[in-house]
Structure formats: C-alpha cells, structure tokens
C-alpha cells in the first residue's frame, strides 16, 4: 500500500484529470456552436484522453491496494472569447496540470516511493507532448489571423484526429 500523502495527492490528480475532461467538453461545445466541427471533434477527443488519464491513476491506486476517493468536479468555464482565447486557456491549464504532476513526482521522491515515481514519469512525458501540441496550434492560429480559408483548412485537419 502507498503512503497516505501519495494516496491523497494521486486522488487530487484524478480529480484534476476529470476536470480537464469537463473543461475540454465545454470548449468542444463552444467550437461546435461556432460551426468549427473539426476543432470541436479534436477537443472532444482531448476530453476523452484526459478522462483516460484519470482512469489510469484510478487503476494505479487500486493496483497498489490503496483507496480511491472521488471528489466533486467543479463546473468548467463555458463562456469563451474566440478560438485563440480557448487555446490560450488550454495552454495555461495544461501548464497547471504539468505543475501538478511534478508535485506528485516530488512527493513520491520525498516518500521514497520508487514505484509511484516510475509510474508518474509517463504523465510527465505526456504533459511535455500536450503542452507542445497546444503551443503549435496557438502559433498557427496567430499566424493565420483572420484568414478564413486557413481556419477552414485547420478545422478540416483537426477533424482527422482519431
């Protein structure tokens, strides 16, 4: 069984991952309302991925004979000010998630919990990828500005994510 401290911080991380899913679903709905179905689809898949991250943590706690304590998930933001603003919010949110994952790693180091430290490495690498993907989308959105053809093509490209 893992320590109480590690159990608590991993349960908090589960909540954060599930919240991320809620947030991205909210953003997906916003994009759909704008008629950007590719962006909407991309965000919906992103939401699913975040829930899968939460379930990965959930399963890890159970496998370690520890306790899962699901807490209330706060209501996500649902009013946005345009596409670039949505992706800037995603980027800021992902940086917070990265910081949170790093706190899990630090706690595992402090508790000499090598198993959790090894497990959390996957999340650290995932966060590096997440931040870079979002940053790349933001760069392209900023580069294209108000070019509707470029936005259309980007929407089409994002719809191809499986």
Protein backbone atom coordinates (compact mmCIF):
# COMPACT_ATOMS: atom_id res chain seq x y z
CA UNK A 1 0.00 0.00 0.00
CA UNK A 2 1.19 3.53 -0.67
CA UNK A 3 1.51 6.29 1.91
CA UNK A 4 -1.39 8.48 2.90
CA UNK A 5 0.38 11.50 1.39
CA UNK A 6 0.81 9.80 -2.00
CA UNK A 7 -2.75 8.50 -1.87
CA UNK A 8 -4.08 11.99 -1.26
CA UNK A 9 -2.06 13.67 -4.00
CA UNK A 10 -2.96 10.97 -6.55
CA UNK A 11 -6.66 11.31 -5.69
CA UNK A 12 -6.32 15.07 -6.25
CA UNK A 13 -4.69 14.36 -9.61
CA UNK A 14 -7.58 12.10 -10.60
CA UNK A 15 -9.96 14.98 -9.90
CA UNK A 16 -7.82 17.37 -11.97
CA UNK A 17 -7.73 14.97 -14.91
CA UNK A 18 -11.52 14.50 -14.82
CA UNK A 19 -11.96 18.28 -14.55
CA UNK A 20 -9.76 18.65 -17.64
CA UNK A 21 -12.16 16.35 -19.46
CA UNK A 22 -15.11 18.51 -18.39
CA UNK A 23 -13.31 21.68 -19.44
CA UNK A 24 -12.44 20.33 -22.88
CA UNK A 25 -16.00 19.08 -23.40
CA UNK A 26 -17.22 22.58 -22.60
CA UNK A 27 -14.77 24.01 -25.13
CA UNK A 28 -15.84 21.38 -27.66
CA UNK A 29 -19.45 22.54 -27.32
CA UNK A 30 -18.35 26.15 -27.84
CA UNK A 31 -16.49 25.22 -31.04
CA UNK A 32 -19.49 23.28 -32.29
CA UNK A 33 -21.67 26.35 -31.69
CA UNK A 34 -19.24 28.34 -33.86
CA UNK A 35 -19.53 25.74 -36.62
CA UNK A 36 -15.92 24.59 -36.19
CA UNK A 37 -16.66 20.88 -36.14
CA UNK A 38 -13.02 19.82 -36.56
CA UNK A 39 -11.93 21.87 -33.55
CA UNK A 40 -14.94 20.51 -31.66
CA UNK A 41 -14.03 16.93 -32.53
CA UNK A 42 -10.37 17.48 -31.56
CA UNK A 43 -11.40 18.87 -28.18
CA UNK A 44 -13.86 16.04 -27.58
CA UNK A 45 -11.07 13.52 -28.19
CA UNK A 46 -8.84 15.56 -25.89
CA UNK A 47 -11.53 15.34 -23.20
CA UNK A 48 -11.67 11.57 -23.63
CA UNK A 49 -7.89 11.38 -23.29
CA UNK A 50 -7.98 13.36 -20.03
CA UNK A 51 -10.61 11.02 -18.58
CA UNK A 52 -8.40 8.08 -19.60
CA UNK A 53 -5.53 9.72 -17.69
CA UNK A 54 -7.77 9.94 -14.62
CA UNK A 55 -8.70 6.28 -15.00
CA UNK A 56 -5.04 5.32 -15.33
CA UNK A 57 -4.43 6.97 -11.93
CA UNK A 58 -7.60 5.36 -10.56
CA UNK A 59 -6.41 1.89 -11.61
CA UNK A 60 -2.93 2.52 -10.23
CA UNK A 61 -4.32 3.30 -6.77
CA UNK A 62 -6.42 0.14 -6.80
CA UNK A 63 -3.49 -1.97 -8.01
CA UNK A 64 -1.41 -0.62 -5.12
CA UNK A 65 -4.15 -1.63 -2.65
CA UNK A 66 -4.88 1.98 -1.90
CA UNK A 67 -8.08 3.97 -1.69
CA UNK A 68 -9.79 5.96 -4.41
CA UNK A 69 -11.68 8.97 -3.12
CA UNK A 70 -13.67 10.60 -5.89
CA UNK A 71 -14.50 14.20 -5.11
CA UNK A 72 -16.87 16.66 -6.69
CA UNK A 73 -15.70 18.03 -10.03
CA UNK A 74 -16.10 21.79 -10.28
CA UNK A 75 -18.14 23.30 -13.08
CA UNK A 76 -15.92 24.17 -16.03
CA UNK A 77 -15.80 27.52 -17.72
CA UNK A 78 -18.28 27.70 -20.59
CA UNK A 79 -18.04 31.26 -21.93
CA UNK A 80 -15.14 31.96 -24.26
CA UNK A 81 -13.90 34.86 -26.35
CA UNK A 82 -12.80 33.27 -29.59
CA UNK A 83 -10.68 30.42 -30.82
CA UNK A 84 -7.24 31.73 -29.85
CA UNK A 85 -8.51 32.57 -26.38
CA UNK A 86 -9.75 28.97 -25.98
CA UNK A 87 -6.36 27.54 -26.91
CA UNK A 88 -4.53 30.02 -24.70
CA UNK A 89 -6.74 28.83 -21.82
CA UNK A 90 -5.94 25.22 -22.72
CA UNK A 91 -2.23 26.00 -22.72
CA UNK A 92 -2.43 27.68 -19.30
CA UNK A 93 -4.49 24.78 -17.97
CA UNK A 94 -2.00 22.21 -19.29
CA UNK A 95 0.85 24.10 -17.61
CA UNK A 96 -1.07 23.84 -14.32
CA UNK A 97 -1.56 20.12 -14.87
CA UNK A 98 2.16 19.74 -15.60
CA UNK A 99 2.97 21.55 -12.35
CA UNK A 100 0.55 19.27 -10.50
CA UNK A 101 2.15 16.14 -11.99
CA UNK A 102 5.56 17.44 -10.97
CA UNK A 103 4.24 17.81 -7.39
CA UNK A 104 3.23 14.15 -7.48
CA UNK A 105 6.77 13.24 -8.59
CA UNK A 106 8.28 15.40 -5.85
CA UNK A 107 6.04 13.81 -3.21
CA UNK A 108 6.99 10.34 -4.46
CA UNK A 109 10.67 11.28 -4.17
CA UNK A 110 10.16 12.61 -0.64
CA UNK A 111 8.32 9.42 0.36
CA UNK A 112 10.96 7.22 -1.34
CA UNK A 113 8.14 5.67 -3.37
CA UNK A 114 10.06 4.47 -6.42
CA UNK A 115 7.05 2.68 -7.88
CA UNK A 116 4.95 5.84 -7.98
CA UNK A 117 7.91 7.84 -9.24
CA UNK A 118 8.35 5.40 -12.12
CA UNK A 119 4.59 5.41 -12.81
CA UNK A 120 4.33 9.22 -12.85
CA UNK A 121 7.15 9.51 -15.42
CA UNK A 122 4.63 8.54 -18.11
CA UNK A 123 2.46 11.52 -17.12
CA UNK A 124 5.44 13.88 -17.18
CA UNK A 125 6.29 12.82 -20.74
CA UNK A 126 2.63 13.09 -21.73
CA UNK A 127 2.46 16.65 -20.38
CA UNK A 128 5.51 17.70 -22.41
CA UNK A 129 3.72 16.43 -25.52
CA UNK A 130 0.40 18.06 -24.54
CA UNK A 131 1.93 21.48 -24.00
CA UNK A 132 3.85 21.32 -27.28
CA UNK A 133 0.78 20.27 -29.29
CA UNK A 134 -1.27 23.15 -27.89
CA UNK A 135 1.55 25.64 -28.42
CA UNK A 136 1.78 24.55 -32.07
CA UNK A 137 -1.94 25.11 -32.58
CA UNK A 138 -1.70 28.56 -30.98
CA UNK A 139 1.26 29.51 -33.22
CA UNK A 140 -0.70 28.55 -36.30
CA UNK A 141 -3.84 30.36 -35.18
CA UNK A 142 -1.83 33.50 -34.50
CA UNK A 143 -0.04 33.20 -37.83
CA UNK A 144 -3.28 32.82 -39.80
CA UNK A 145 -5.02 35.70 -38.04
CA UNK A 146 -8.43 36.33 -39.60
CA UNK A 147 -7.76 34.23 -42.71
CA UNK A 148 -10.97 32.21 -43.02
CA UNK A 149 -9.55 29.81 -45.62
CA UNK A 150 -6.64 28.93 -43.32
CA UNK A 151 -9.07 28.47 -40.43
CA UNK A 152 -11.23 26.21 -42.59
CA UNK A 153 -8.20 24.10 -43.55
CA UNK A 154 -7.04 23.88 -39.95
CA UNK A 155 -10.56 22.85 -38.86
CA UNK A 156 -10.52 20.15 -41.53
CA UNK A 157 -7.06 18.97 -40.41
CA UNK A 158 -8.08 18.77 -36.73
CA UNK A 159 -11.16 16.74 -37.67
CA UNK A 160 -8.83 13.98 -38.89
CA UNK A 161 -7.56 13.22 -35.37
CA UNK A 162 -8.55 9.70 -34.40
